[in-house]
Amino acid sequence: MSNKPVRHILGLSGGKDSTALAILLHKQVPQMEYFFCDTHKELPETYEYLDRIKARLGIKIHYLSPKRGFDHWLDIHGGLLPSPKKRWFTVMMKIKPLDMKMMISPV
């Protein structure tokens, strides 16, 4: 067993489910780290909501962004919007930026 401290990380989407989990775990895991994968195509209300979560819980949220934006990947996929069968959005805009962040900034 490793003596390395466990790192607790929670992704926030700006939706009700991730917010509920953040509220629940905030008291249980005070050292929790929070992140939001920013596509730069969010509604202004999403950023306002995240600001309210930060203020209410007294937390910092790390904003992660892919190197190439939504419009680039939409062009690459021939204008095909993401769907449950074509999950390019999730992979390129949410998972890959998180993978890079976790690799380059371990605690």
PDB file of N, CA and C in Angstrom:
ATOM      1  N   MET A   1       0.841  -1.183   0.000  1.00  0.00           N
ATOM      2  CA  MET A   1       0.000   0.000   0.000  1.00  0.00           C
ATOM      3  C   MET A   1       0.883   1.241   0.000  1.00  0.00           C
ATOM      4  N   SER A   2       0.512   2.206  -0.806  1.00  0.00           N
ATOM      5  CA  SER A   2       1.277   3.437  -0.945  1.00  0.00           C
ATOM      6  C   SER A   2       1.012   4.379   0.222  1.00  0.00           C
ATOM      7  N   ASN A   3       2.045   5.132   0.580  1.00  0.00           N
ATOM      8  CA  ASN A   3       1.896   6.152   1.628  1.00  0.00           C
ATOM      9  C   ASN A   3       1.512   7.504   1.043  1.00  0.00           C
ATOM     10  N   LYS A   4       1.323   7.551  -0.282  1.00  0.00           N
ATOM     11  CA  LYS A   4       0.921   8.804  -0.915  1.00  0.00           C
ATOM     12  C   LYS A   4      -0.476   9.182  -0.442  1.00  0.00           C
ATOM     13  N   PRO A   5      -0.682  10.471  -0.201  1.00  0.00           N
ATOM     14  CA  PRO A   5      -2.036  10.889   0.190  1.00  0.00           C
ATOM     15  C   PRO A   5      -3.021  10.679  -0.967  1.00  0.00           C
ATOM     16  N   VAL A   6      -4.246  10.375  -0.625  1.00  0.00           N
ATOM     17  CA  VAL A   6      -5.292  10.185  -1.621  1.00  0.00           C
ATOM     18  C   VAL A   6      -5.757  11.557  -2.094  1.00  0.00           C
ATOM     19  N   ARG A   7      -5.896  11.681  -3.393  1.00  0.00           N
ATOM     20  CA  ARG A   7      -6.351  12.939  -3.977  1.00  0.00           C
ATOM     21  C   ARG A   7      -7.817  12.783  -4.348  1.00  0.00           C
ATOM     22  N   HIS A   8      -8.663  13.654  -3.833  1.00  0.00           N
ATOM     23  CA  HIS A   8     -10.093  13.620  -4.101  1.00  0.00           C
ATOM     24  C   HIS A   8     -10.432  14.745  -5.080  1.00  0.00           C
ATOM     25  N   ILE A   9     -10.995  14.362  -6.234  1.00  0.00           N
ATOM     26  CA  ILE A   9     -11.280  15.318  -7.302  1.00  0.00           C
ATOM     27  C   ILE A   9     -12.710  15.116  -7.773  1.00  0.00           C
ATOM     28  N   LEU A  10     -13.451  16.219  -7.915  1.00  0.00           N
ATOM     29  CA  LEU A  10     -14.837  16.139  -8.355  1.00  0.00           C
ATOM     30  C   LEU A  10     -15.069  17.102  -9.511  1.00  0.00           C
ATOM     31  N   GLY A  11     -15.614  16.580 -10.602  1.00  0.00           N
ATOM     32  CA  GLY A  11     -15.957  17.403 -11.745  1.00  0.00           C
ATOM     33  C   GLY A  11     -17.345  18.005 -11.583  1.00  0.00           C
ATOM     34  N   LEU A  12     -17.435  19.291 -11.850  1.00  0.00           N
ATOM     35  CA  LEU A  12     -18.717  19.991 -11.804  1.00  0.00           C
ATOM     36  C   LEU A  12     -19.129  20.328 -13.230  1.00  0.00           C
ATOM     37  N   SER A  13     -20.401  20.136 -13.523  1.00  0.00           N
ATOM     38  CA  SER A  13     -20.910  20.443 -14.860  1.00  0.00           C
ATOM     39  C   SER A  13     -21.760  21.703 -14.865  1.00  0.00           C
ATOM     40  N   GLY A  14     -22.146  22.153 -13.693  1.00  0.00           N
ATOM     41  CA  GLY A  14     -23.093  23.256 -13.614  1.00  0.00           C
ATOM     42  C   GLY A  14     -24.520  22.749 -13.541  1.00  0.00           C
ATOM     43  N   GLY A  15     -24.667  21.440 -13.421  1.00  0.00           N
ATOM     44  CA  GLY A  15     -25.991  20.837 -13.329  1.00  0.00           C
ATOM     45  C   GLY A  15     -26.336  20.433 -11.902  1.00  0.00           C
ATOM     46  N   LYS A  16     -27.563  19.965 -11.727  1.00  0.00           N
ATOM     47  CA  LYS A  16     -28.065  19.639 -10.388  1.00  0.00           C
ATOM     48  C   LYS A  16     -27.364  18.433  -9.764  1.00  0.00           C
ATOM     49  N   ASP A  17     -27.024  17.424 -10.568  1.00  0.00           N
ATOM     50  CA  ASP A  17     -26.434  16.215 -10.000  1.00  0.00           C
ATOM     51  C   ASP A  17     -25.028  16.455  -9.450  1.00  0.00           C
ATOM     52  N   SER A  18     -24.181  17.114 -10.243  1.00  0.00           N
ATOM     53  CA  SER A  18     -22.827  17.366  -9.750  1.00  0.00           C
ATOM     54  C   SER A  18     -22.846  18.373  -8.603  1.00  0.00           C
ATOM     55  N   THR A  19     -23.795  19.295  -8.621  1.00  0.00           N
ATOM     56  CA  THR A  19     -23.919  20.244  -7.510  1.00  0.00           C
ATOM     57  C   THR A  19     -24.324  19.525  -6.229  1.00  0.00           C
ATOM     58  N   ALA A  20     -25.296  18.633  -6.326  1.00  0.00           N
ATOM     59  CA  ALA A  20     -25.736  17.877  -5.147  1.00  0.00           C
ATOM     60  C   ALA A  20     -24.586  17.066  -4.577  1.00  0.00           C
ATOM     61  N   LEU A  21     -23.800  16.435  -5.447  1.00  0.00           N
ATOM     62  CA  LEU A  21     -22.669  15.648  -4.982  1.00  0.00           C
ATOM     63  C   LEU A  21     -21.619  16.540  -4.324  1.00  0.00           C
ATOM     64  N   ALA A  22     -21.372  17.715  -4.897  1.00  0.00           N
ATOM     65  CA  ALA A  22     -20.416  18.655  -4.301  1.00  0.00           C
ATOM     66  C   ALA A  22     -20.864  19.084  -2.914  1.00  0.00           C
ATOM     67  N   ILE A  23     -22.142  19.381  -2.766  1.00  0.00           N
ATOM     68  CA  ILE A  23     -22.663  19.796  -1.455  1.00  0.00           C
ATOM     69  C   ILE A  23     -22.527  18.660  -0.450  1.00  0.00           C
ATOM     70  N   LEU A  24     -22.883  17.454  -0.852  1.00  0.00           N
ATOM     71  CA  LEU A  24     -22.798  16.294   0.031  1.00  0.00           C
ATOM     72  C   LEU A  24     -21.353  15.996   0.440  1.00  0.00           C
ATOM     73  N   LEU A  25     -20.452  15.986  -0.522  1.00  0.00           N
ATOM     74  CA  LEU A  25     -19.068  15.609  -0.228  1.00  0.00           C
ATOM     75  C   LEU A  25     -18.249  16.735   0.387  1.00  0.00           C
ATOM     76  N   HIS A  26     -18.696  17.968   0.205  1.00  0.00           N
ATOM     77  CA  HIS A  26     -17.951  19.111   0.733  1.00  0.00           C
ATOM     78  C   HIS A  26     -17.699  18.969   2.240  1.00  0.00           C
ATOM     79  N   LYS A  27     -18.698  18.522   2.963  1.00  0.00           N
ATOM     80  CA  LYS A  27     -18.555  18.349   4.417  1.00  0.00           C
ATOM     81  C   LYS A  27     -17.766  17.095   4.763  1.00  0.00           C
ATOM     82  N   GLN A  28     -17.890  16.077   3.911  1.00  0.00           N
ATOM     83  CA  GLN A  28     -17.226  14.800   4.178  1.00  0.00           C
ATOM     84  C   GLN A  28     -15.750  14.803   3.792  1.00  0.00           C
ATOM     85  N   VAL A  29     -15.411  15.548   2.746  1.00  0.00           N
ATOM     86  CA  VAL A  29     -14.045  15.562   2.213  1.00  0.00           C
ATOM     87  C   VAL A  29     -13.607  17.015   2.029  1.00  0.00           C
ATOM     88  N   PRO A  30     -13.177  17.671   3.109  1.00  0.00           N
ATOM     89  CA  PRO A  30     -12.843  19.099   3.018  1.00  0.00           C
ATOM     90  C   PRO A  30     -11.704  19.418   2.042  1.00  0.00           C
ATOM     91  N   GLN A  31     -10.817  18.472   1.777  1.00  0.00           N
ATOM     92  CA  GLN A  31      -9.693  18.711   0.871  1.00  0.00           C
ATOM     93  C   GLN A  31     -10.030  18.412  -0.597  1.00  0.00           C
ATOM     94  N   MET A  32     -11.299  18.234  -0.884  1.00  0.00           N
ATOM     95  CA  MET A  32     -11.756  17.938  -2.252  1.00  0.00           C
ATOM     96  C   MET A  32     -11.296  19.027  -3.214  1.00  0.00           C
ATOM     97  N   GLU A  33     -10.869  18.610  -4.403  1.00  0.00           N
ATOM     98  CA  GLU A  33     -10.540  19.529  -5.486  1.00  0.00           C
ATOM     99  C   GLU A  33     -11.686  19.479  -6.487  1.00  0.00           C
ATOM    100  N   TYR A  34     -12.015  20.625  -7.073  1.00  0.00           N
ATOM    101  CA  TYR A  34     -13.140  20.718  -7.988  1.00  0.00           C
ATOM    102  C   TYR A  34     -12.654  21.246  -9.335  1.00  0.00           C
ATOM    103  N   PHE A  35     -13.239  20.728 -10.420  1.00  0.00           N
ATOM    104  CA  PHE A  35     -12.886  21.223 -11.744  1.00  0.00           C
ATOM    105  C   PHE A  35     -14.135  21.332 -12.613  1.00  0.00           C
ATOM    106  N   PHE A  36     -14.015  22.162 -13.622  1.00  0.00           N
ATOM    107  CA  PHE A  36     -15.070  22.355 -14.616  1.00  0.00           C
ATOM    108  C   PHE A  36     -14.395  22.381 -15.980  1.00  0.00           C
ATOM    109  N   CYS A  37     -14.837  21.536 -16.904  1.00  0.00           N
ATOM    110  CA  CYS A  37     -14.297  21.522 -18.268  1.00  0.00           C
ATOM    111  C   CYS A  37     -15.051  22.557 -19.097  1.00  0.00           C
ATOM    112  N   ASP A  38     -14.354  23.617 -19.412  1.00  0.00           N
ATOM    113  CA  ASP A  38     -14.954  24.770 -20.071  1.00  0.00           C
ATOM    114  C   ASP A  38     -14.827  24.651 -21.581  1.00  0.00           C
ATOM    115  N   THR A  39     -15.949  24.527 -22.256  1.00  0.00           N
ATOM    116  CA  THR A  39     -15.960  24.417 -23.714  1.00  0.00           C
ATOM    117  C   THR A  39     -15.966  25.782 -24.392  1.00  0.00           C
ATOM    118  N   HIS A  40     -16.156  26.823 -23.616  1.00  0.00           N
ATOM    119  CA  HIS A  40     -16.309  28.193 -24.112  1.00  0.00           C
ATOM    120  C   HIS A  40     -17.572  28.342 -24.961  1.00  0.00           C
ATOM    121  N   LYS A  41     -18.482  27.411 -24.812  1.00  0.00           N
ATOM    122  CA  LYS A  41     -19.784  27.483 -25.475  1.00  0.00           C
ATOM    123  C   LYS A  41     -20.905  27.396 -24.438  1.00  0.00           C
ATOM    124  N   GLU A  42     -20.554  27.629 -23.191  1.00  0.00           N
ATOM    125  CA  GLU A  42     -21.531  27.565 -22.107  1.00  0.00           C
ATOM    126  C   GLU A  42     -22.393  28.828 -22.126  1.00  0.00           C
ATOM    127  N   LEU A  43     -23.563  28.710 -21.583  1.00  0.00           N
ATOM    128  CA  LEU A  43     -24.413  29.882 -21.388  1.00  0.00           C
ATOM    129  C   LEU A  43     -23.831  30.734 -20.260  1.00  0.00           C
ATOM    130  N   PRO A  44     -24.020  32.042 -20.308  1.00  0.00           N
ATOM    131  CA  PRO A  44     -23.542  32.890 -19.211  1.00  0.00           C
ATOM    132  C   PRO A  44     -24.080  32.431 -17.852  1.00  0.00           C
ATOM    133  N   GLU A  45     -25.286  31.900 -17.844  1.00  0.00           N
ATOM    134  CA  GLU A  45     -25.893  31.436 -16.594  1.00  0.00           C
ATOM    135  C   GLU A  45     -25.097  30.291 -15.960  1.00  0.00           C
ATOM    136  N   THR A  46     -24.414  29.499 -16.779  1.00  0.00           N
ATOM    137  CA  THR A  46     -23.597  28.405 -16.236  1.00  0.00           C
ATOM    138  C   THR A  46     -22.447  28.966 -15.407  1.00  0.00           C
ATOM    139  N   TYR A  47     -21.769  29.984 -15.929  1.00  0.00           N
ATOM    140  CA  TYR A  47     -20.660  30.594 -15.194  1.00  0.00           C
ATOM    141  C   TYR A  47     -21.165  31.282 -13.927  1.00  0.00           C
ATOM    142  N   GLU A  48     -22.323  31.929 -14.025  1.00  0.00           N
ATOM    143  CA  GLU A  48     -22.910  32.564 -12.839  1.00  0.00           C
ATOM    144  C   GLU A  48     -23.238  31.508 -11.782  1.00  0.00           C
ATOM    145  N   TYR A  49     -23.775  30.392 -12.211  1.00  0.00           N
ATOM    146  CA  TYR A  49     -24.119  29.305 -11.293  1.00  0.00           C
ATOM    147  C   TYR A  49     -22.868  28.754 -10.616  1.00  0.00           C
ATOM    148  N   LEU A  50     -21.803  28.560 -11.390  1.00  0.00           N
ATOM    149  CA  LEU A  50     -20.552  28.085 -10.798  1.00  0.00           C
ATOM    150  C   LEU A  50     -20.007  29.088  -9.789  1.00  0.00           C
ATOM    151  N   ASP A  51     -20.137  30.365 -10.088  1.00  0.00           N
ATOM    152  CA  ASP A  51     -19.713  31.395  -9.124  1.00  0.00           C
ATOM    153  C   ASP A  51     -20.512  31.289  -7.827  1.00  0.00           C
ATOM    154  N   ARG A  52     -21.806  30.991  -7.945  1.00  0.00           N
ATOM    155  CA  ARG A  52     -22.637  30.841  -6.740  1.00  0.00           C
ATOM    156  C   ARG A  52     -22.221  29.601  -5.944  1.00  0.00           C
ATOM    157  N   ILE A  53     -21.891  28.521  -6.629  1.00  0.00           N
ATOM    158  CA  ILE A  53     -21.418  27.315  -5.929  1.00  0.00           C
ATOM    159  C   ILE A  53     -20.127  27.624  -5.183  1.00  0.00           C
ATOM    160  N   LYS A  54     -19.190  28.323  -5.857  1.00  0.00           N
ATOM    161  CA  LYS A  54     -17.915  28.685  -5.210  1.00  0.00           C
ATOM    162  C   LYS A  54     -18.161  29.524  -3.957  1.00  0.00           C
ATOM    163  N   ALA A  55     -19.020  30.515  -4.072  1.00  0.00           N
ATOM    164  CA  ALA A  55     -19.295  31.398  -2.936  1.00  0.00           C
ATOM    165  C   ALA A  55     -19.991  30.648  -1.809  1.00  0.00           C
ATOM    166  N   ARG A  56     -20.959  29.838  -2.151  1.00  0.00           N
ATOM    167  CA  ARG A  56     -21.747  29.119  -1.137  1.00  0.00           C
ATOM    168  C   ARG A  56     -20.901  28.113  -0.363  1.00  0.00           C
ATOM    169  N   LEU A  57     -20.059  27.368  -1.092  1.00  0.00           N
ATOM    170  CA  LEU A  57     -19.249  26.338  -0.445  1.00  0.00           C
ATOM    171  C   LEU A  57     -17.874  26.849  -0.024  1.00  0.00           C
ATOM    172  N   GLY A  58     -17.481  28.017  -0.501  1.00  0.00           N
ATOM    173  CA  GLY A  58     -16.155  28.540  -0.177  1.00  0.00           C
ATOM    174  C   GLY A  58     -15.049  27.699  -0.796  1.00  0.00           C
ATOM    175  N   ILE A  59     -15.238  27.320  -2.057  1.00  0.00           N
ATOM    176  CA  ILE A  59     -14.284  26.455  -2.735  1.00  0.00           C
ATOM    177  C   ILE A  59     -13.679  27.163  -3.936  1.00  0.00           C
ATOM    178  N   LYS A  60     -12.609  26.580  -4.454  1.00  0.00           N
ATOM    179  CA  LYS A  60     -12.008  27.027  -5.700  1.00  0.00           C
ATOM    180  C   LYS A  60     -12.364  25.987  -6.759  1.00  0.00           C
ATOM    181  N   ILE A  61     -12.725  26.434  -7.934  1.00  0.00           N
ATOM    182  CA  ILE A  61     -12.998  25.530  -9.045  1.00  0.00           C
ATOM    183  C   ILE A  61     -11.948  25.785 -10.112  1.00  0.00           C
ATOM    184  N   HIS A  62     -11.244  24.739 -10.519  1.00  0.00           N
ATOM    185  CA  HIS A  62     -10.263  24.837 -11.595  1.00  0.00           C
ATOM    186  C   HIS A  62     -11.008  24.719 -12.923  1.00  0.00           C
ATOM    187  N   TYR A  63     -10.796  25.677 -13.805  1.00  0.00           N
ATOM    188  CA  TYR A  63     -11.440  25.667 -15.118  1.00  0.00           C
ATOM    189  C   TYR A  63     -10.444  25.080 -16.110  1.00  0.00           C
ATOM    190  N   LEU A  64     -10.812  23.959 -16.706  1.00  0.00           N
ATOM    191  CA  LEU A  64      -9.966  23.298 -17.686  1.00  0.00           C
ATOM    192  C   LEU A  64     -10.526  23.562 -19.077  1.00  0.00           C
ATOM    193  N   SER A  65      -9.642  23.785 -20.028  1.00  0.00           N
ATOM    194  CA  SER A  65     -10.067  24.045 -21.405  1.00  0.00           C
ATOM    195  C   SER A  65      -9.237  23.191 -22.353  1.00  0.00           C
ATOM    196  N   PRO A  66      -9.882  22.654 -23.381  1.00  0.00           N
ATOM    197  CA  PRO A  66      -9.121  21.919 -24.393  1.00  0.00           C
ATOM    198  C   PRO A  66      -8.270  22.883 -25.207  1.00  0.00           C
ATOM    199  N   LYS A  67      -7.214  22.354 -25.824  1.00  0.00           N
ATOM    200  CA  LYS A  67      -6.358  23.202 -26.655  1.00  0.00           C
ATOM    201  C   LYS A  67      -7.112  23.723 -27.876  1.00  0.00           C
ATOM    202  N   ARG A  68      -8.023  22.907 -28.394  1.00  0.00           N
ATOM    203  CA  ARG A  68      -8.835  23.307 -29.535  1.00  0.00           C
ATOM    204  C   ARG A  68     -10.285  23.335 -29.097  1.00  0.00           C
ATOM    205  N   GLY A  69     -11.001  24.326 -29.561  1.00  0.00           N
ATOM    206  CA  GLY A  69     -12.360  24.538 -29.087  1.00  0.00           C
ATOM    207  C   GLY A  69     -13.414  23.715 -29.792  1.00  0.00           C
ATOM    208  N   PHE A  70     -14.629  23.909 -29.347  1.00  0.00           N
ATOM    209  CA  PHE A  70     -15.790  23.194 -29.851  1.00  0.00           C
ATOM    210  C   PHE A  70     -15.924  23.332 -31.373  1.00  0.00           C
ATOM    211  N   ASP A  71     -15.775  24.551 -31.877  1.00  0.00           N
ATOM    212  CA  ASP A  71     -15.958  24.791 -33.316  1.00  0.00           C
ATOM    213  C   ASP A  71     -14.964  23.983 -34.152  1.00  0.00           C
ATOM    214  N   HIS A  72     -13.734  23.854 -33.681  1.00  0.00           N
ATOM    215  CA  HIS A  72     -12.732  23.055 -34.389  1.00  0.00           C
ATOM    216  C   HIS A  72     -13.199  21.613 -34.511  1.00  0.00           C
ATOM    217  N   TRP A  73     -13.629  21.014 -33.403  1.00  0.00           N
ATOM    218  CA  TRP A  73     -14.025  19.608 -33.417  1.00  0.00           C
ATOM    219  C   TRP A  73     -15.336  19.398 -34.178  1.00  0.00           C
ATOM    220  N   LEU A  74     -16.194  20.382 -34.159  1.00  0.00           N
ATOM    221  CA  LEU A  74     -17.417  20.296 -34.959  1.00  0.00           C
ATOM    222  C   LEU A  74     -17.051  20.248 -36.446  1.00  0.00           C
ATOM    223  N   ASP A  75     -16.082  21.071 -36.860  1.00  0.00           N
ATOM    224  CA  ASP A  75     -15.609  21.039 -38.248  1.00  0.00           C
ATOM    225  C   ASP A  75     -14.971  19.689 -38.587  1.00  0.00           C
ATOM    226  N   ILE A  76     -14.148  19.182 -37.693  1.00  0.00           N
ATOM    227  CA  ILE A  76     -13.476  17.894 -37.918  1.00  0.00           C
ATOM    228  C   ILE A  76     -14.505  16.781 -38.126  1.00  0.00           C
ATOM    229  N   HIS A  77     -15.613  16.860 -37.410  1.00  0.00           N
ATOM    230  CA  HIS A  77     -16.664  15.840 -37.498  1.00  0.00           C
ATOM    231  C   HIS A  77     -17.746  16.211 -38.513  1.00  0.00           C
ATOM    232  N   GLY A  78     -17.389  17.077 -39.453  1.00  0.00           N
ATOM    233  CA  GLY A  78     -18.285  17.403 -40.550  1.00  0.00           C
ATOM    234  C   GLY A  78     -19.593  18.040 -40.128  1.00  0.00           C
ATOM    235  N   GLY A  79     -19.573  18.787 -39.038  1.00  0.00           N
ATOM    236  CA  GLY A  79     -20.778  19.450 -38.557  1.00  0.00           C
ATOM    237  C   GLY A  79     -21.723  18.523 -37.807  1.00  0.00           C
ATOM    238  N   LEU A  80     -21.299  17.278 -37.600  1.00  0.00           N
ATOM    239  CA  LEU A  80     -22.118  16.304 -36.879  1.00  0.00           C
ATOM    240  C   LEU A  80     -22.109  16.628 -35.392  1.00  0.00           C
ATOM    241  N   LEU A  81     -23.271  16.938 -34.862  1.00  0.00           N
ATOM    242  CA  LEU A  81     -23.360  17.250 -33.435  1.00  0.00           C
ATOM    243  C   LEU A  81     -23.172  15.989 -32.602  1.00  0.00           C
ATOM    244  N   PRO A  82     -22.658  16.149 -31.381  1.00  0.00           N
ATOM    245  CA  PRO A  82     -22.480  14.983 -30.518  1.00  0.00           C
ATOM    246  C   PRO A  82     -23.817  14.316 -30.207  1.00  0.00           C
ATOM    247  N   SER A  83     -23.752  13.009 -29.976  1.00  0.00           N
ATOM    248  CA  SER A  83     -24.933  12.229 -29.619  1.00  0.00           C
ATOM    249  C   SER A  83     -24.484  11.059 -28.765  1.00  0.00           C
ATOM    250  N   PRO A  84     -25.415  10.298 -28.201  1.00  0.00           N
ATOM    251  CA  PRO A  84     -25.005   9.133 -27.409  1.00  0.00           C
ATOM    252  C   PRO A  84     -24.141   8.136 -28.191  1.00  0.00           C
ATOM    253  N   LYS A  85     -24.308   8.081 -29.518  1.00  0.00           N
ATOM    254  CA  LYS A  85     -23.501   7.157 -30.325  1.00  0.00           C
ATOM    255  C   LYS A  85     -22.217   7.801 -30.849  1.00  0.00           C
ATOM    256  N   LYS A  86     -22.187   9.108 -30.935  1.00  0.00           N
ATOM    257  CA  LYS A  86     -21.013   9.856 -31.397  1.00  0.00           C
ATOM    258  C   LYS A  86     -20.591  10.801 -30.281  1.00  0.00           C
ATOM    259  N   ARG A  87     -19.760  10.313 -29.376  1.00  0.00           N
ATOM    260  CA  ARG A  87     -19.427  11.051 -28.160  1.00  0.00           C
ATOM    261  C   ARG A  87     -18.146  11.865 -28.289  1.00  0.00           C
ATOM    262  N   TRP A  88     -17.865  12.397 -29.462  1.00  0.00           N
ATOM    263  CA  TRP A  88     -16.640  13.150 -29.641  1.00  0.00           C
ATOM    264  C   TRP A  88     -16.562  14.342 -28.698  1.00  0.00           C
ATOM    265  N   PHE A  89     -17.684  14.957 -28.403  1.00  0.00           N
ATOM    266  CA  PHE A  89     -17.694  16.124 -27.518  1.00  0.00           C
ATOM    267  C   PHE A  89     -17.159  15.757 -26.140  1.00  0.00           C
ATOM    268  N   THR A  90     -17.670  14.689 -25.564  1.00  0.00           N
ATOM    269  CA  THR A  90     -17.240  14.268 -24.228  1.00  0.00           C
ATOM    270  C   THR A  90     -15.752  13.955 -24.215  1.00  0.00           C
ATOM    271  N   VAL A  91     -15.288  13.236 -25.222  1.00  0.00           N
ATOM    272  CA  VAL A  91     -13.875  12.849 -25.268  1.00  0.00           C
ATOM    273  C   VAL A  91     -12.979  14.067 -25.457  1.00  0.00           C
ATOM    274  N   MET A  92     -13.248  14.882 -26.457  1.00  0.00           N
ATOM    275  CA  MET A  92     -12.346  15.975 -26.809  1.00  0.00           C
ATOM    276  C   MET A  92     -12.470  17.197 -25.883  1.00  0.00           C
ATOM    277  N   MET A  93     -13.666  17.453 -25.360  1.00  0.00           N
ATOM    278  CA  MET A  93     -13.882  18.675 -24.585  1.00  0.00           C
ATOM    279  C   MET A  93     -13.881  18.447 -23.073  1.00  0.00           C
ATOM    280  N   LYS A  94     -14.054  17.197 -22.635  1.00  0.00           N
ATOM    281  CA  LYS A  94     -14.164  16.935 -21.206  1.00  0.00           C
ATOM    282  C   LYS A  94     -13.081  15.978 -20.694  1.00  0.00           C
ATOM    283  N   ILE A  95     -12.887  14.848 -21.350  1.00  0.00           N
ATOM    284  CA  ILE A  95     -11.968  13.829 -20.845  1.00  0.00           C
ATOM    285  C   ILE A  95     -10.505  14.187 -21.113  1.00  0.00           C
ATOM    286  N   LYS A  96     -10.167  14.537 -22.351  1.00  0.00           N
ATOM    287  CA  LYS A  96      -8.766  14.832 -22.666  1.00  0.00           C
ATOM    288  C   LYS A  96      -8.216  16.027 -21.890  1.00  0.00           C
ATOM    289  N   PRO A  97      -8.953  17.143 -21.750  1.00  0.00           N
ATOM    290  CA  PRO A  97      -8.415  18.235 -20.921  1.00  0.00           C
ATOM    291  C   PRO A  97      -8.191  17.792 -19.472  1.00  0.00           C
ATOM    292  N   LEU A  98      -9.070  16.953 -18.957  1.00  0.00           N
ATOM    293  CA  LEU A  98      -8.909  16.461 -17.585  1.00  0.00           C
ATOM    294  C   LEU A  98      -7.683  15.574 -17.492  1.00  0.00           C
ATOM    295  N   ASP A  99      -7.484  14.668 -18.453  1.00  0.00           N
ATOM    296  CA  ASP A  99      -6.303  13.797 -18.452  1.00  0.00           C
ATOM    297  C   ASP A  99      -5.034  14.618 -18.430  1.00  0.00           C
ATOM    298  N   MET A 100      -4.967  15.649 -19.256  1.00  0.00           N
ATOM    299  CA  MET A 100      -3.774  16.496 -19.302  1.00  0.00           C
ATOM    300  C   MET A 100      -3.545  17.230 -17.989  1.00  0.00           C
ATOM    301  N   LYS A 101      -4.611  17.747 -17.401  1.00  0.00           N
ATOM    302  CA  LYS A 101      -4.495  18.476 -16.143  1.00  0.00           C
ATOM    303  C   LYS A 101      -4.004  17.556 -15.033  1.00  0.00           C
ATOM    304  N   MET A 102      -4.521  16.343 -14.982  1.00  0.00           N
ATOM    305  CA  MET A 102      -4.150  15.412 -13.923  1.00  0.00           C
ATOM    306  C   MET A 102      -2.709  14.957 -14.089  1.00  0.00           C
ATOM    307  N   MET A 103      -2.226  14.871 -15.329  1.00  0.00           N
ATOM    308  CA  MET A 103      -0.856  14.442 -15.563  1.00  0.00           C
ATOM    309  C   MET A 103       0.152  15.530 -15.216  1.00  0.00           C
ATOM    310  N   ILE A 104      -0.191  16.779 -15.486  1.00  0.00           N
ATOM    311  CA  ILE A 104       0.801  17.826 -15.303  1.00  0.00           C
ATOM    312  C   ILE A 104       0.735  18.551 -13.958  1.00  0.00           C
ATOM    313  N   SER A 105      -0.307  18.328 -13.183  1.00  0.00           N
ATOM    314  CA  SER A 105      -0.346  19.053 -11.903  1.00  0.00           C
ATOM    315  C   SER A 105      -0.790  18.147 -10.748  1.00  0.00           C
ATOM    316  N   PRO A 106      -0.017  17.083 -10.484  1.00  0.00           N
ATOM    317  CA  PRO A 106      -0.371  16.257  -9.319  1.00  0.00           C
ATOM    318  C   PRO A 106      -0.088  17.018  -8.033  1.00  0.00           C
ATOM    319  N   VAL A 107      -0.816  16.679  -7.001  1.00  0.00           N
ATOM    320  CA  VAL A 107      -0.620  17.332  -5.707  1.00  0.00           C
ATOM    321  C   VAL A 107       0.535  16.670  -4.997  1.00  0.00           C
TER     322      VAL A 107
END
